[in-house]
Amino acid sequence: LVRACDLPGPWTIGTSAVKIRKSPT
């Protein structure tokens, strides 16, 4: 009923690195 190509893909990052922060600011 739902093909695999219709589903959203995996999470990814669009740069070389991202800081992980203690709170969302």
PDBML (XML) file of the C-alpha atoms, coordinates in Angstrom:
<?xml version="1.0" encoding="UTF-8" ?>
<PDBx:datablock datablockName="MODEL"
   xmlns:PDBx="http://pdbml.pdb.org/schema/pdbx-v50.xsd"
   xmlns:xsi="http://www.w3.org/2001/XMLSchema-instance"
   xsi:schemaLocation="http://pdbml.pdb.org/schema/pdbx-v50.xsd pdbx-v50.xsd">
   <PDBx:atom_siteCategory>
      <PDBx:atom_site id="1">
         <PDBx:B_iso_or_equiv>0.00</PDBx:B_iso_or_equiv>
         <PDBx:Cartn_x>0.000</PDBx:Cartn_x>
         <PDBx:Cartn_y>0.000</PDBx:Cartn_y>
         <PDBx:Cartn_z>0.000</PDBx:Cartn_z>
         <PDBx:auth_asym_id>A</PDBx:auth_asym_id>
         <PDBx:auth_atom_id>CA</PDBx:auth_atom_id>
         <PDBx:auth_comp_id>LEU</PDBx:auth_comp_id>
         <PDBx:auth_seq_id>1</PDBx:auth_seq_id>
         <PDBx:group_PDB>ATOM</PDBx:group_PDB>
         <PDBx:label_alt_id xsi:nil="true" />
         <PDBx:label_asym_id>A</PDBx:label_asym_id>
         <PDBx:label_atom_id>CA</PDBx:label_atom_id>
         <PDBx:label_comp_id>LEU</PDBx:label_comp_id>
         <PDBx:label_entity_id>1</PDBx:label_entity_id>
         <PDBx:label_seq_id>1</PDBx:label_seq_id>
         <PDBx:occupancy>1.00</PDBx:occupancy>
         <PDBx:pdbx_PDB_model_num>1</PDBx:pdbx_PDB_model_num>
         <PDBx:type_symbol>C</PDBx:type_symbol>
      </PDBx:atom_site>
      <PDBx:atom_site id="2">
         <PDBx:B_iso_or_equiv>0.00</PDBx:B_iso_or_equiv>
         <PDBx:Cartn_x>2.865</PDBx:Cartn_x>
         <PDBx:Cartn_y>2.368</PDBx:Cartn_y>
         <PDBx:Cartn_z>0.807</PDBx:Cartn_z>
         <PDBx:auth_asym_id>A</PDBx:auth_asym_id>
         <PDBx:auth_atom_id>CA</PDBx:auth_atom_id>
         <PDBx:auth_comp_id>VAL</PDBx:auth_comp_id>
         <PDBx:auth_seq_id>2</PDBx:auth_seq_id>
         <PDBx:group_PDB>ATOM</PDBx:group_PDB>
         <PDBx:label_alt_id xsi:nil="true" />
         <PDBx:label_asym_id>A</PDBx:label_asym_id>
         <PDBx:label_atom_id>CA</PDBx:label_atom_id>
         <PDBx:label_comp_id>VAL</PDBx:label_comp_id>
         <PDBx:label_entity_id>1</PDBx:label_entity_id>
         <PDBx:label_seq_id>2</PDBx:label_seq_id>
         <PDBx:occupancy>1.00</PDBx:occupancy>
         <PDBx:pdbx_PDB_model_num>1</PDBx:pdbx_PDB_model_num>
         <PDBx:type_symbol>C</PDBx:type_symbol>
      </PDBx:atom_site>
      <PDBx:atom_site id="3">
         <PDBx:B_iso_or_equiv>0.00</PDBx:B_iso_or_equiv>
         <PDBx:Cartn_x>6.124</PDBx:Cartn_x>
         <PDBx:Cartn_y>1.981</PDBx:Cartn_y>
         <PDBx:Cartn_z>-1.055</PDBx:Cartn_z>
         <PDBx:auth_asym_id>A</PDBx:auth_asym_id>
         <PDBx:auth_atom_id>CA</PDBx:auth_atom_id>
         <PDBx:auth_comp_id>ARG</PDBx:auth_comp_id>
         <PDBx:auth_seq_id>3</PDBx:auth_seq_id>
         <PDBx:group_PDB>ATOM</PDBx:group_PDB>
         <PDBx:label_alt_id xsi:nil="true" />
         <PDBx:label_asym_id>A</PDBx:label_asym_id>
         <PDBx:label_atom_id>CA</PDBx:label_atom_id>
         <PDBx:label_comp_id>ARG</PDBx:label_comp_id>
         <PDBx:label_entity_id>1</PDBx:label_entity_id>
         <PDBx:label_seq_id>3</PDBx:label_seq_id>
         <PDBx:occupancy>1.00</PDBx:occupancy>
         <PDBx:pdbx_PDB_model_num>1</PDBx:pdbx_PDB_model_num>
         <PDBx:type_symbol>C</PDBx:type_symbol>
      </PDBx:atom_site>
      <PDBx:atom_site id="4">
         <PDBx:B_iso_or_equiv>0.00</PDBx:B_iso_or_equiv>
         <PDBx:Cartn_x>9.441</PDBx:Cartn_x>
         <PDBx:Cartn_y>2.549</PDBx:Cartn_y>
         <PDBx:Cartn_z>0.707</PDBx:Cartn_z>
         <PDBx:auth_asym_id>A</PDBx:auth_asym_id>
         <PDBx:auth_atom_id>CA</PDBx:auth_atom_id>
         <PDBx:auth_comp_id>ALA</PDBx:auth_comp_id>
         <PDBx:auth_seq_id>4</PDBx:auth_seq_id>
         <PDBx:group_PDB>ATOM</PDBx:group_PDB>
         <PDBx:label_alt_id xsi:nil="true" />
         <PDBx:label_asym_id>A</PDBx:label_asym_id>
         <PDBx:label_atom_id>CA</PDBx:label_atom_id>
         <PDBx:label_comp_id>ALA</PDBx:label_comp_id>
         <PDBx:label_entity_id>1</PDBx:label_entity_id>
         <PDBx:label_seq_id>4</PDBx:label_seq_id>
         <PDBx:occupancy>1.00</PDBx:occupancy>
         <PDBx:pdbx_PDB_model_num>1</PDBx:pdbx_PDB_model_num>
         <PDBx:type_symbol>C</PDBx:type_symbol>
      </PDBx:atom_site>
      <PDBx:atom_site id="5">
         <PDBx:B_iso_or_equiv>0.00</PDBx:B_iso_or_equiv>
         <PDBx:Cartn_x>10.318</PDBx:Cartn_x>
         <PDBx:Cartn_y>5.386</PDBx:Cartn_y>
         <PDBx:Cartn_z>-1.663</PDBx:Cartn_z>
         <PDBx:auth_asym_id>A</PDBx:auth_asym_id>
         <PDBx:auth_atom_id>CA</PDBx:auth_atom_id>
         <PDBx:auth_comp_id>CYS</PDBx:auth_comp_id>
         <PDBx:auth_seq_id>5</PDBx:auth_seq_id>
         <PDBx:group_PDB>ATOM</PDBx:group_PDB>
         <PDBx:label_alt_id xsi:nil="true" />
         <PDBx:label_asym_id>A</PDBx:label_asym_id>
         <PDBx:label_atom_id>CA</PDBx:label_atom_id>
         <PDBx:label_comp_id>CYS</PDBx:label_comp_id>
         <PDBx:label_entity_id>1</PDBx:label_entity_id>
         <PDBx:label_seq_id>5</PDBx:label_seq_id>
         <PDBx:occupancy>1.00</PDBx:occupancy>
         <PDBx:pdbx_PDB_model_num>1</PDBx:pdbx_PDB_model_num>
         <PDBx:type_symbol>C</PDBx:type_symbol>
      </PDBx:atom_site>
      <PDBx:atom_site id="6">
         <PDBx:B_iso_or_equiv>0.00</PDBx:B_iso_or_equiv>
         <PDBx:Cartn_x>7.167</PDBx:Cartn_x>
         <PDBx:Cartn_y>7.259</PDBx:Cartn_y>
         <PDBx:Cartn_z>-0.526</PDBx:Cartn_z>
         <PDBx:auth_asym_id>A</PDBx:auth_asym_id>
         <PDBx:auth_atom_id>CA</PDBx:auth_atom_id>
         <PDBx:auth_comp_id>ASP</PDBx:auth_comp_id>
         <PDBx:auth_seq_id>6</PDBx:auth_seq_id>
         <PDBx:group_PDB>ATOM</PDBx:group_PDB>
         <PDBx:label_alt_id xsi:nil="true" />
         <PDBx:label_asym_id>A</PDBx:label_asym_id>
         <PDBx:label_atom_id>CA</PDBx:label_atom_id>
         <PDBx:label_comp_id>ASP</PDBx:label_comp_id>
         <PDBx:label_entity_id>1</PDBx:label_entity_id>
         <PDBx:label_seq_id>6</PDBx:label_seq_id>
         <PDBx:occupancy>1.00</PDBx:occupancy>
         <PDBx:pdbx_PDB_model_num>1</PDBx:pdbx_PDB_model_num>
         <PDBx:type_symbol>C</PDBx:type_symbol>
      </PDBx:atom_site>
      <PDBx:atom_site id="7">
         <PDBx:B_iso_or_equiv>0.00</PDBx:B_iso_or_equiv>
         <PDBx:Cartn_x>8.301</PDBx:Cartn_x>
         <PDBx:Cartn_y>7.401</PDBx:Cartn_y>
         <PDBx:Cartn_z>3.102</PDBx:Cartn_z>
         <PDBx:auth_asym_id>A</PDBx:auth_asym_id>
         <PDBx:auth_atom_id>CA</PDBx:auth_atom_id>
         <PDBx:auth_comp_id>LEU</PDBx:auth_comp_id>
         <PDBx:auth_seq_id>7</PDBx:auth_seq_id>
         <PDBx:group_PDB>ATOM</PDBx:group_PDB>
         <PDBx:label_alt_id xsi:nil="true" />
         <PDBx:label_asym_id>A</PDBx:label_asym_id>
         <PDBx:label_atom_id>CA</PDBx:label_atom_id>
         <PDBx:label_comp_id>LEU</PDBx:label_comp_id>
         <PDBx:label_entity_id>1</PDBx:label_entity_id>
         <PDBx:label_seq_id>7</PDBx:label_seq_id>
         <PDBx:occupancy>1.00</PDBx:occupancy>
         <PDBx:pdbx_PDB_model_num>1</PDBx:pdbx_PDB_model_num>
         <PDBx:type_symbol>C</PDBx:type_symbol>
      </PDBx:atom_site>
      <PDBx:atom_site id="8">
         <PDBx:B_iso_or_equiv>0.00</PDBx:B_iso_or_equiv>
         <PDBx:Cartn_x>10.572</PDBx:Cartn_x>
         <PDBx:Cartn_y>10.132</PDBx:Cartn_y>
         <PDBx:Cartn_z>4.527</PDBx:Cartn_z>
         <PDBx:auth_asym_id>A</PDBx:auth_asym_id>
         <PDBx:auth_atom_id>CA</PDBx:auth_atom_id>
         <PDBx:auth_comp_id>PRO</PDBx:auth_comp_id>
         <PDBx:auth_seq_id>8</PDBx:auth_seq_id>
         <PDBx:group_PDB>ATOM</PDBx:group_PDB>
         <PDBx:label_alt_id xsi:nil="true" />
         <PDBx:label_asym_id>A</PDBx:label_asym_id>
         <PDBx:label_atom_id>CA</PDBx:label_atom_id>
         <PDBx:label_comp_id>PRO</PDBx:label_comp_id>
         <PDBx:label_entity_id>1</PDBx:label_entity_id>
         <PDBx:label_seq_id>8</PDBx:label_seq_id>
         <PDBx:occupancy>1.00</PDBx:occupancy>
         <PDBx:pdbx_PDB_model_num>1</PDBx:pdbx_PDB_model_num>
         <PDBx:type_symbol>C</PDBx:type_symbol>
      </PDBx:atom_site>
      <PDBx:atom_site id="9">
         <PDBx:B_iso_or_equiv>0.00</PDBx:B_iso_or_equiv>
         <PDBx:Cartn_x>14.190</PDBx:Cartn_x>
         <PDBx:Cartn_y>9.070</PDBx:Cartn_y>
         <PDBx:Cartn_z>4.641</PDBx:Cartn_z>
         <PDBx:auth_asym_id>A</PDBx:auth_asym_id>
         <PDBx:auth_atom_id>CA</PDBx:auth_atom_id>
         <PDBx:auth_comp_id>GLY</PDBx:auth_comp_id>
         <PDBx:auth_seq_id>9</PDBx:auth_seq_id>
         <PDBx:group_PDB>ATOM</PDBx:group_PDB>
         <PDBx:label_alt_id xsi:nil="true" />
         <PDBx:label_asym_id>A</PDBx:label_asym_id>
         <PDBx:label_atom_id>CA</PDBx:label_atom_id>
         <PDBx:label_comp_id>GLY</PDBx:label_comp_id>
         <PDBx:label_entity_id>1</PDBx:label_entity_id>
         <PDBx:label_seq_id>9</PDBx:label_seq_id>
         <PDBx:occupancy>1.00</PDBx:occupancy>
         <PDBx:pdbx_PDB_model_num>1</PDBx:pdbx_PDB_model_num>
         <PDBx:type_symbol>C</PDBx:type_symbol>
      </PDBx:atom_site>
      <PDBx:atom_site id="10">
         <PDBx:B_iso_or_equiv>0.00</PDBx:B_iso_or_equiv>
         <PDBx:Cartn_x>16.488</PDBx:Cartn_x>
         <PDBx:Cartn_y>8.902</PDBx:Cartn_y>
         <PDBx:Cartn_z>7.633</PDBx:Cartn_z>
         <PDBx:auth_asym_id>A</PDBx:auth_asym_id>
         <PDBx:auth_atom_id>CA</PDBx:auth_atom_id>
         <PDBx:auth_comp_id>PRO</PDBx:auth_comp_id>
         <PDBx:auth_seq_id>10</PDBx:auth_seq_id>
         <PDBx:group_PDB>ATOM</PDBx:group_PDB>
         <PDBx:label_alt_id xsi:nil="true" />
         <PDBx:label_asym_id>A</PDBx:label_asym_id>
         <PDBx:label_atom_id>CA</PDBx:label_atom_id>
         <PDBx:label_comp_id>PRO</PDBx:label_comp_id>
         <PDBx:label_entity_id>1</PDBx:label_entity_id>
         <PDBx:label_seq_id>10</PDBx:label_seq_id>
         <PDBx:occupancy>1.00</PDBx:occupancy>
         <PDBx:pdbx_PDB_model_num>1</PDBx:pdbx_PDB_model_num>
         <PDBx:type_symbol>C</PDBx:type_symbol>
      </PDBx:atom_site>
      <PDBx:atom_site id="11">
         <PDBx:B_iso_or_equiv>0.00</PDBx:B_iso_or_equiv>
         <PDBx:Cartn_x>17.582</PDBx:Cartn_x>
         <PDBx:Cartn_y>11.917</PDBx:Cartn_y>
         <PDBx:Cartn_z>9.670</PDBx:Cartn_z>
         <PDBx:auth_asym_id>A</PDBx:auth_asym_id>
         <PDBx:auth_atom_id>CA</PDBx:auth_atom_id>
         <PDBx:auth_comp_id>TRP</PDBx:auth_comp_id>
         <PDBx:auth_seq_id>11</PDBx:auth_seq_id>
         <PDBx:group_PDB>ATOM</PDBx:group_PDB>
         <PDBx:label_alt_id xsi:nil="true" />
         <PDBx:label_asym_id>A</PDBx:label_asym_id>
         <PDBx:label_atom_id>CA</PDBx:label_atom_id>
         <PDBx:label_comp_id>TRP</PDBx:label_comp_id>
         <PDBx:label_entity_id>1</PDBx:label_entity_id>
         <PDBx:label_seq_id>11</PDBx:label_seq_id>
         <PDBx:occupancy>1.00</PDBx:occupancy>
         <PDBx:pdbx_PDB_model_num>1</PDBx:pdbx_PDB_model_num>
         <PDBx:type_symbol>C</PDBx:type_symbol>
      </PDBx:atom_site>
      <PDBx:atom_site id="12">
         <PDBx:B_iso_or_equiv>0.00</PDBx:B_iso_or_equiv>
         <PDBx:Cartn_x>20.719</PDBx:Cartn_x>
         <PDBx:Cartn_y>13.590</PDBx:Cartn_y>
         <PDBx:Cartn_z>8.375</PDBx:Cartn_z>
         <PDBx:auth_asym_id>A</PDBx:auth_asym_id>
         <PDBx:auth_atom_id>CA</PDBx:auth_atom_id>
         <PDBx:auth_comp_id>THR</PDBx:auth_comp_id>
         <PDBx:auth_seq_id>12</PDBx:auth_seq_id>
         <PDBx:group_PDB>ATOM</PDBx:group_PDB>
         <PDBx:label_alt_id xsi:nil="true" />
         <PDBx:label_asym_id>A</PDBx:label_asym_id>
         <PDBx:label_atom_id>CA</PDBx:label_atom_id>
         <PDBx:label_comp_id>THR</PDBx:label_comp_id>
         <PDBx:label_entity_id>1</PDBx:label_entity_id>
         <PDBx:label_seq_id>12</PDBx:label_seq_id>
         <PDBx:occupancy>1.00</PDBx:occupancy>
         <PDBx:pdbx_PDB_model_num>1</PDBx:pdbx_PDB_model_num>
         <PDBx:type_symbol>C</PDBx:type_symbol>
      </PDBx:atom_site>
      <PDBx:atom_site id="13">
         <PDBx:B_iso_or_equiv>0.00</PDBx:B_iso_or_equiv>
         <PDBx:Cartn_x>22.757</PDBx:Cartn_x>
         <PDBx:Cartn_y>16.730</PDBx:Cartn_y>
         <PDBx:Cartn_z>8.952</PDBx:Cartn_z>
         <PDBx:auth_asym_id>A</PDBx:auth_asym_id>
         <PDBx:auth_atom_id>CA</PDBx:auth_atom_id>
         <PDBx:auth_comp_id>ILE</PDBx:auth_comp_id>
         <PDBx:auth_seq_id>13</PDBx:auth_seq_id>
         <PDBx:group_PDB>ATOM</PDBx:group_PDB>
         <PDBx:label_alt_id xsi:nil="true" />
         <PDBx:label_asym_id>A</PDBx:label_asym_id>
         <PDBx:label_atom_id>CA</PDBx:label_atom_id>
         <PDBx:label_comp_id>ILE</PDBx:label_comp_id>
         <PDBx:label_entity_id>1</PDBx:label_entity_id>
         <PDBx:label_seq_id>13</PDBx:label_seq_id>
         <PDBx:occupancy>1.00</PDBx:occupancy>
         <PDBx:pdbx_PDB_model_num>1</PDBx:pdbx_PDB_model_num>
         <PDBx:type_symbol>C</PDBx:type_symbol>
      </PDBx:atom_site>
      <PDBx:atom_site id="14">
         <PDBx:B_iso_or_equiv>0.00</PDBx:B_iso_or_equiv>
         <PDBx:Cartn_x>23.408</PDBx:Cartn_x>
         <PDBx:Cartn_y>19.246</PDBx:Cartn_y>
         <PDBx:Cartn_z>6.209</PDBx:Cartn_z>
         <PDBx:auth_asym_id>A</PDBx:auth_asym_id>
         <PDBx:auth_atom_id>CA</PDBx:auth_atom_id>
         <PDBx:auth_comp_id>GLY</PDBx:auth_comp_id>
         <PDBx:auth_seq_id>14</PDBx:auth_seq_id>
         <PDBx:group_PDB>ATOM</PDBx:group_PDB>
         <PDBx:label_alt_id xsi:nil="true" />
         <PDBx:label_asym_id>A</PDBx:label_asym_id>
         <PDBx:label_atom_id>CA</PDBx:label_atom_id>
         <PDBx:label_comp_id>GLY</PDBx:label_comp_id>
         <PDBx:label_entity_id>1</PDBx:label_entity_id>
         <PDBx:label_seq_id>14</PDBx:label_seq_id>
         <PDBx:occupancy>1.00</PDBx:occupancy>
         <PDBx:pdbx_PDB_model_num>1</PDBx:pdbx_PDB_model_num>
         <PDBx:type_symbol>C</PDBx:type_symbol>
      </PDBx:atom_site>
      <PDBx:atom_site id="15">
         <PDBx:B_iso_or_equiv>0.00</PDBx:B_iso_or_equiv>
         <PDBx:Cartn_x>26.832</PDBx:Cartn_x>
         <PDBx:Cartn_y>20.412</PDBx:Cartn_y>
         <PDBx:Cartn_z>7.395</PDBx:Cartn_z>
         <PDBx:auth_asym_id>A</PDBx:auth_asym_id>
         <PDBx:auth_atom_id>CA</PDBx:auth_atom_id>
         <PDBx:auth_comp_id>THR</PDBx:auth_comp_id>
         <PDBx:auth_seq_id>15</PDBx:auth_seq_id>
         <PDBx:group_PDB>ATOM</PDBx:group_PDB>
         <PDBx:label_alt_id xsi:nil="true" />
         <PDBx:label_asym_id>A</PDBx:label_asym_id>
         <PDBx:label_atom_id>CA</PDBx:label_atom_id>
         <PDBx:label_comp_id>THR</PDBx:label_comp_id>
         <PDBx:label_entity_id>1</PDBx:label_entity_id>
         <PDBx:label_seq_id>15</PDBx:label_seq_id>
         <PDBx:occupancy>1.00</PDBx:occupancy>
         <PDBx:pdbx_PDB_model_num>1</PDBx:pdbx_PDB_model_num>
         <PDBx:type_symbol>C</PDBx:type_symbol>
      </PDBx:atom_site>
      <PDBx:atom_site id="16">
         <PDBx:B_iso_or_equiv>0.00</PDBx:B_iso_or_equiv>
         <PDBx:Cartn_x>30.036</PDBx:Cartn_x>
         <PDBx:Cartn_y>18.834</PDBx:Cartn_y>
         <PDBx:Cartn_z>8.685</PDBx:Cartn_z>
         <PDBx:auth_asym_id>A</PDBx:auth_asym_id>
         <PDBx:auth_atom_id>CA</PDBx:auth_atom_id>
         <PDBx:auth_comp_id>SER</PDBx:auth_comp_id>
         <PDBx:auth_seq_id>16</PDBx:auth_seq_id>
         <PDBx:group_PDB>ATOM</PDBx:group_PDB>
         <PDBx:label_alt_id xsi:nil="true" />
         <PDBx:label_asym_id>A</PDBx:label_asym_id>
         <PDBx:label_atom_id>CA</PDBx:label_atom_id>
         <PDBx:label_comp_id>SER</PDBx:label_comp_id>
         <PDBx:label_entity_id>1</PDBx:label_entity_id>
         <PDBx:label_seq_id>16</PDBx:label_seq_id>
         <PDBx:occupancy>1.00</PDBx:occupancy>
         <PDBx:pdbx_PDB_model_num>1</PDBx:pdbx_PDB_model_num>
         <PDBx:type_symbol>C</PDBx:type_symbol>
      </PDBx:atom_site>
      <PDBx:atom_site id="17">
         <PDBx:B_iso_or_equiv>0.00</PDBx:B_iso_or_equiv>
         <PDBx:Cartn_x>29.179</PDBx:Cartn_x>
         <PDBx:Cartn_y>19.275</PDBx:Cartn_y>
         <PDBx:Cartn_z>12.384</PDBx:Cartn_z>
         <PDBx:auth_asym_id>A</PDBx:auth_asym_id>
         <PDBx:auth_atom_id>CA</PDBx:auth_atom_id>
         <PDBx:auth_comp_id>ALA</PDBx:auth_comp_id>
         <PDBx:auth_seq_id>17</PDBx:auth_seq_id>
         <PDBx:group_PDB>ATOM</PDBx:group_PDB>
         <PDBx:label_alt_id xsi:nil="true" />
         <PDBx:label_asym_id>A</PDBx:label_asym_id>
         <PDBx:label_atom_id>CA</PDBx:label_atom_id>
         <PDBx:label_comp_id>ALA</PDBx:label_comp_id>
         <PDBx:label_entity_id>1</PDBx:label_entity_id>
         <PDBx:label_seq_id>17</PDBx:label_seq_id>
         <PDBx:occupancy>1.00</PDBx:occupancy>
         <PDBx:pdbx_PDB_model_num>1</PDBx:pdbx_PDB_model_num>
         <PDBx:type_symbol>C</PDBx:type_symbol>
      </PDBx:atom_site>
      <PDBx:atom_site id="18">
         <PDBx:B_iso_or_equiv>0.00</PDBx:B_iso_or_equiv>
         <PDBx:Cartn_x>26.421</PDBx:Cartn_x>
         <PDBx:Cartn_y>20.654</PDBx:Cartn_y>
         <PDBx:Cartn_z>14.638</PDBx:Cartn_z>
         <PDBx:auth_asym_id>A</PDBx:auth_asym_id>
         <PDBx:auth_atom_id>CA</PDBx:auth_atom_id>
         <PDBx:auth_comp_id>VAL</PDBx:auth_comp_id>
         <PDBx:auth_seq_id>18</PDBx:auth_seq_id>
         <PDBx:group_PDB>ATOM</PDBx:group_PDB>
         <PDBx:label_alt_id xsi:nil="true" />
         <PDBx:label_asym_id>A</PDBx:label_asym_id>
         <PDBx:label_atom_id>CA</PDBx:label_atom_id>
         <PDBx:label_comp_id>VAL</PDBx:label_comp_id>
         <PDBx:label_entity_id>1</PDBx:label_entity_id>
         <PDBx:label_seq_id>18</PDBx:label_seq_id>
         <PDBx:occupancy>1.00</PDBx:occupancy>
         <PDBx:pdbx_PDB_model_num>1</PDBx:pdbx_PDB_model_num>
         <PDBx:type_symbol>C</PDBx:type_symbol>
      </PDBx:atom_site>
      <PDBx:atom_site id="19">
         <PDBx:B_iso_or_equiv>0.00</PDBx:B_iso_or_equiv>
         <PDBx:Cartn_x>26.670</PDBx:Cartn_x>
         <PDBx:Cartn_y>21.637</PDBx:Cartn_y>
         <PDBx:Cartn_z>18.302</PDBx:Cartn_z>
         <PDBx:auth_asym_id>A</PDBx:auth_asym_id>
         <PDBx:auth_atom_id>CA</PDBx:auth_atom_id>
         <PDBx:auth_comp_id>LYS</PDBx:auth_comp_id>
         <PDBx:auth_seq_id>19</PDBx:auth_seq_id>
         <PDBx:group_PDB>ATOM</PDBx:group_PDB>
         <PDBx:label_alt_id xsi:nil="true" />
         <PDBx:label_asym_id>A</PDBx:label_asym_id>
         <PDBx:label_atom_id>CA</PDBx:label_atom_id>
         <PDBx:label_comp_id>LYS</PDBx:label_comp_id>
         <PDBx:label_entity_id>1</PDBx:label_entity_id>
         <PDBx:label_seq_id>19</PDBx:label_seq_id>
         <PDBx:occupancy>1.00</PDBx:occupancy>
         <PDBx:pdbx_PDB_model_num>1</PDBx:pdbx_PDB_model_num>
         <PDBx:type_symbol>C</PDBx:type_symbol>
      </PDBx:atom_site>
      <PDBx:atom_site id="20">
         <PDBx:B_iso_or_equiv>0.00</PDBx:B_iso_or_equiv>
         <PDBx:Cartn_x>24.532</PDBx:Cartn_x>
         <PDBx:Cartn_y>19.612</PDBx:Cartn_y>
         <PDBx:Cartn_z>20.682</PDBx:Cartn_z>
         <PDBx:auth_asym_id>A</PDBx:auth_asym_id>
         <PDBx:auth_atom_id>CA</PDBx:auth_atom_id>
         <PDBx:auth_comp_id>ILE</PDBx:auth_comp_id>
         <PDBx:auth_seq_id>20</PDBx:auth_seq_id>
         <PDBx:group_PDB>ATOM</PDBx:group_PDB>
         <PDBx:label_alt_id xsi:nil="true" />
         <PDBx:label_asym_id>A</PDBx:label_asym_id>
         <PDBx:label_atom_id>CA</PDBx:label_atom_id>
         <PDBx:label_comp_id>ILE</PDBx:label_comp_id>
         <PDBx:label_entity_id>1</PDBx:label_entity_id>
         <PDBx:label_seq_id>20</PDBx:label_seq_id>
         <PDBx:occupancy>1.00</PDBx:occupancy>
         <PDBx:pdbx_PDB_model_num>1</PDBx:pdbx_PDB_model_num>
         <PDBx:type_symbol>C</PDBx:type_symbol>
      </PDBx:atom_site>
      <PDBx:atom_site id="21">
         <PDBx:B_iso_or_equiv>0.00</PDBx:B_iso_or_equiv>
         <PDBx:Cartn_x>23.107</PDBx:Cartn_x>
         <PDBx:Cartn_y>22.025</PDBx:Cartn_y>
         <PDBx:Cartn_z>23.243</PDBx:Cartn_z>
         <PDBx:auth_asym_id>A</PDBx:auth_asym_id>
         <PDBx:auth_atom_id>CA</PDBx:auth_atom_id>
         <PDBx:auth_comp_id>ARG</PDBx:auth_comp_id>
         <PDBx:auth_seq_id>21</PDBx:auth_seq_id>
         <PDBx:group_PDB>ATOM</PDBx:group_PDB>
         <PDBx:label_alt_id xsi:nil="true" />
         <PDBx:label_asym_id>A</PDBx:label_asym_id>
         <PDBx:label_atom_id>CA</PDBx:label_atom_id>
         <PDBx:label_comp_id>ARG</PDBx:label_comp_id>
         <PDBx:label_entity_id>1</PDBx:label_entity_id>
         <PDBx:label_seq_id>21</PDBx:label_seq_id>
         <PDBx:occupancy>1.00</PDBx:occupancy>
         <PDBx:pdbx_PDB_model_num>1</PDBx:pdbx_PDB_model_num>
         <PDBx:type_symbol>C</PDBx:type_symbol>
      </PDBx:atom_site>
      <PDBx:atom_site id="22">
         <PDBx:B_iso_or_equiv>0.00</PDBx:B_iso_or_equiv>
         <PDBx:Cartn_x>21.707</PDBx:Cartn_x>
         <PDBx:Cartn_y>21.652</PDBx:Cartn_y>
         <PDBx:Cartn_z>26.760</PDBx:Cartn_z>
         <PDBx:auth_asym_id>A</PDBx:auth_asym_id>
         <PDBx:auth_atom_id>CA</PDBx:auth_atom_id>
         <PDBx:auth_comp_id>LYS</PDBx:auth_comp_id>
         <PDBx:auth_seq_id>22</PDBx:auth_seq_id>
         <PDBx:group_PDB>ATOM</PDBx:group_PDB>
         <PDBx:label_alt_id xsi:nil="true" />
         <PDBx:label_asym_id>A</PDBx:label_asym_id>
         <PDBx:label_atom_id>CA</PDBx:label_atom_id>
         <PDBx:label_comp_id>LYS</PDBx:label_comp_id>
         <PDBx:label_entity_id>1</PDBx:label_entity_id>
         <PDBx:label_seq_id>22</PDBx:label_seq_id>
         <PDBx:occupancy>1.00</PDBx:occupancy>
         <PDBx:pdbx_PDB_model_num>1</PDBx:pdbx_PDB_model_num>
         <PDBx:type_symbol>C</PDBx:type_symbol>
      </PDBx:atom_site>
      <PDBx:atom_site id="23">
         <PDBx:B_iso_or_equiv>0.00</PDBx:B_iso_or_equiv>
         <PDBx:Cartn_x>18.445</PDBx:Cartn_x>
         <PDBx:Cartn_y>23.427</PDBx:Cartn_y>
         <PDBx:Cartn_z>25.866</PDBx:Cartn_z>
         <PDBx:auth_asym_id>A</PDBx:auth_asym_id>
         <PDBx:auth_atom_id>CA</PDBx:auth_atom_id>
         <PDBx:auth_comp_id>SER</PDBx:auth_comp_id>
         <PDBx:auth_seq_id>23</PDBx:auth_seq_id>
         <PDBx:group_PDB>ATOM</PDBx:group_PDB>
         <PDBx:label_alt_id xsi:nil="true" />
         <PDBx:label_asym_id>A</PDBx:label_asym_id>
         <PDBx:label_atom_id>CA</PDBx:label_atom_id>
         <PDBx:label_comp_id>SER</PDBx:label_comp_id>
         <PDBx:label_entity_id>1</PDBx:label_entity_id>
         <PDBx:label_seq_id>23</PDBx:label_seq_id>
         <PDBx:occupancy>1.00</PDBx:occupancy>
         <PDBx:pdbx_PDB_model_num>1</PDBx:pdbx_PDB_model_num>
         <PDBx:type_symbol>C</PDBx:type_symbol>
      </PDBx:atom_site>
      <PDBx:atom_site id="24">
         <PDBx:B_iso_or_equiv>0.00</PDBx:B_iso_or_equiv>
         <PDBx:Cartn_x>16.821</PDBx:Cartn_x>
         <PDBx:Cartn_y>24.492</PDBx:Cartn_y>
         <PDBx:Cartn_z>22.560</PDBx:Cartn_z>
         <PDBx:auth_asym_id>A</PDBx:auth_asym_id>
         <PDBx:auth_atom_id>CA</PDBx:auth_atom_id>
         <PDBx:auth_comp_id>PRO</PDBx:auth_comp_id>
         <PDBx:auth_seq_id>24</PDBx:auth_seq_id>
         <PDBx:group_PDB>ATOM</PDBx:group_PDB>
         <PDBx:label_alt_id xsi:nil="true" />
         <PDBx:label_asym_id>A</PDBx:label_asym_id>
         <PDBx:label_atom_id>CA</PDBx:label_atom_id>
         <PDBx:label_comp_id>PRO</PDBx:label_comp_id>
         <PDBx:label_entity_id>1</PDBx:label_entity_id>
         <PDBx:label_seq_id>24</PDBx:label_seq_id>
         <PDBx:occupancy>1.00</PDBx:occupancy>
         <PDBx:pdbx_PDB_model_num>1</PDBx:pdbx_PDB_model_num>
         <PDBx:type_symbol>C</PDBx:type_symbol>
      </PDBx:atom_site>
      <PDBx:atom_site id="25">
         <PDBx:B_iso_or_equiv>0.00</PDBx:B_iso_or_equiv>
         <PDBx:Cartn_x>18.426</PDBx:Cartn_x>
         <PDBx:Cartn_y>27.937</PDBx:Cartn_y>
         <PDBx:Cartn_z>22.234</PDBx:Cartn_z>
         <PDBx:auth_asym_id>A</PDBx:auth_asym_id>
         <PDBx:auth_atom_id>CA</PDBx:auth_atom_id>
         <PDBx:auth_comp_id>THR</PDBx:auth_comp_id>
         <PDBx:auth_seq_id>25</PDBx:auth_seq_id>
         <PDBx:group_PDB>ATOM</PDBx:group_PDB>
         <PDBx:label_alt_id xsi:nil="true" />
         <PDBx:label_asym_id>A</PDBx:label_asym_id>
         <PDBx:label_atom_id>CA</PDBx:label_atom_id>
         <PDBx:label_comp_id>THR</PDBx:label_comp_id>
         <PDBx:label_entity_id>1</PDBx:label_entity_id>
         <PDBx:label_seq_id>25</PDBx:label_seq_id>
         <PDBx:occupancy>1.00</PDBx:occupancy>
         <PDBx:pdbx_PDB_model_num>1</PDBx:pdbx_PDB_model_num>
         <PDBx:type_symbol>C</PDBx:type_symbol>
      </PDBx:atom_site>
   </PDBx:atom_siteCategory>
</PDBx:datablock>
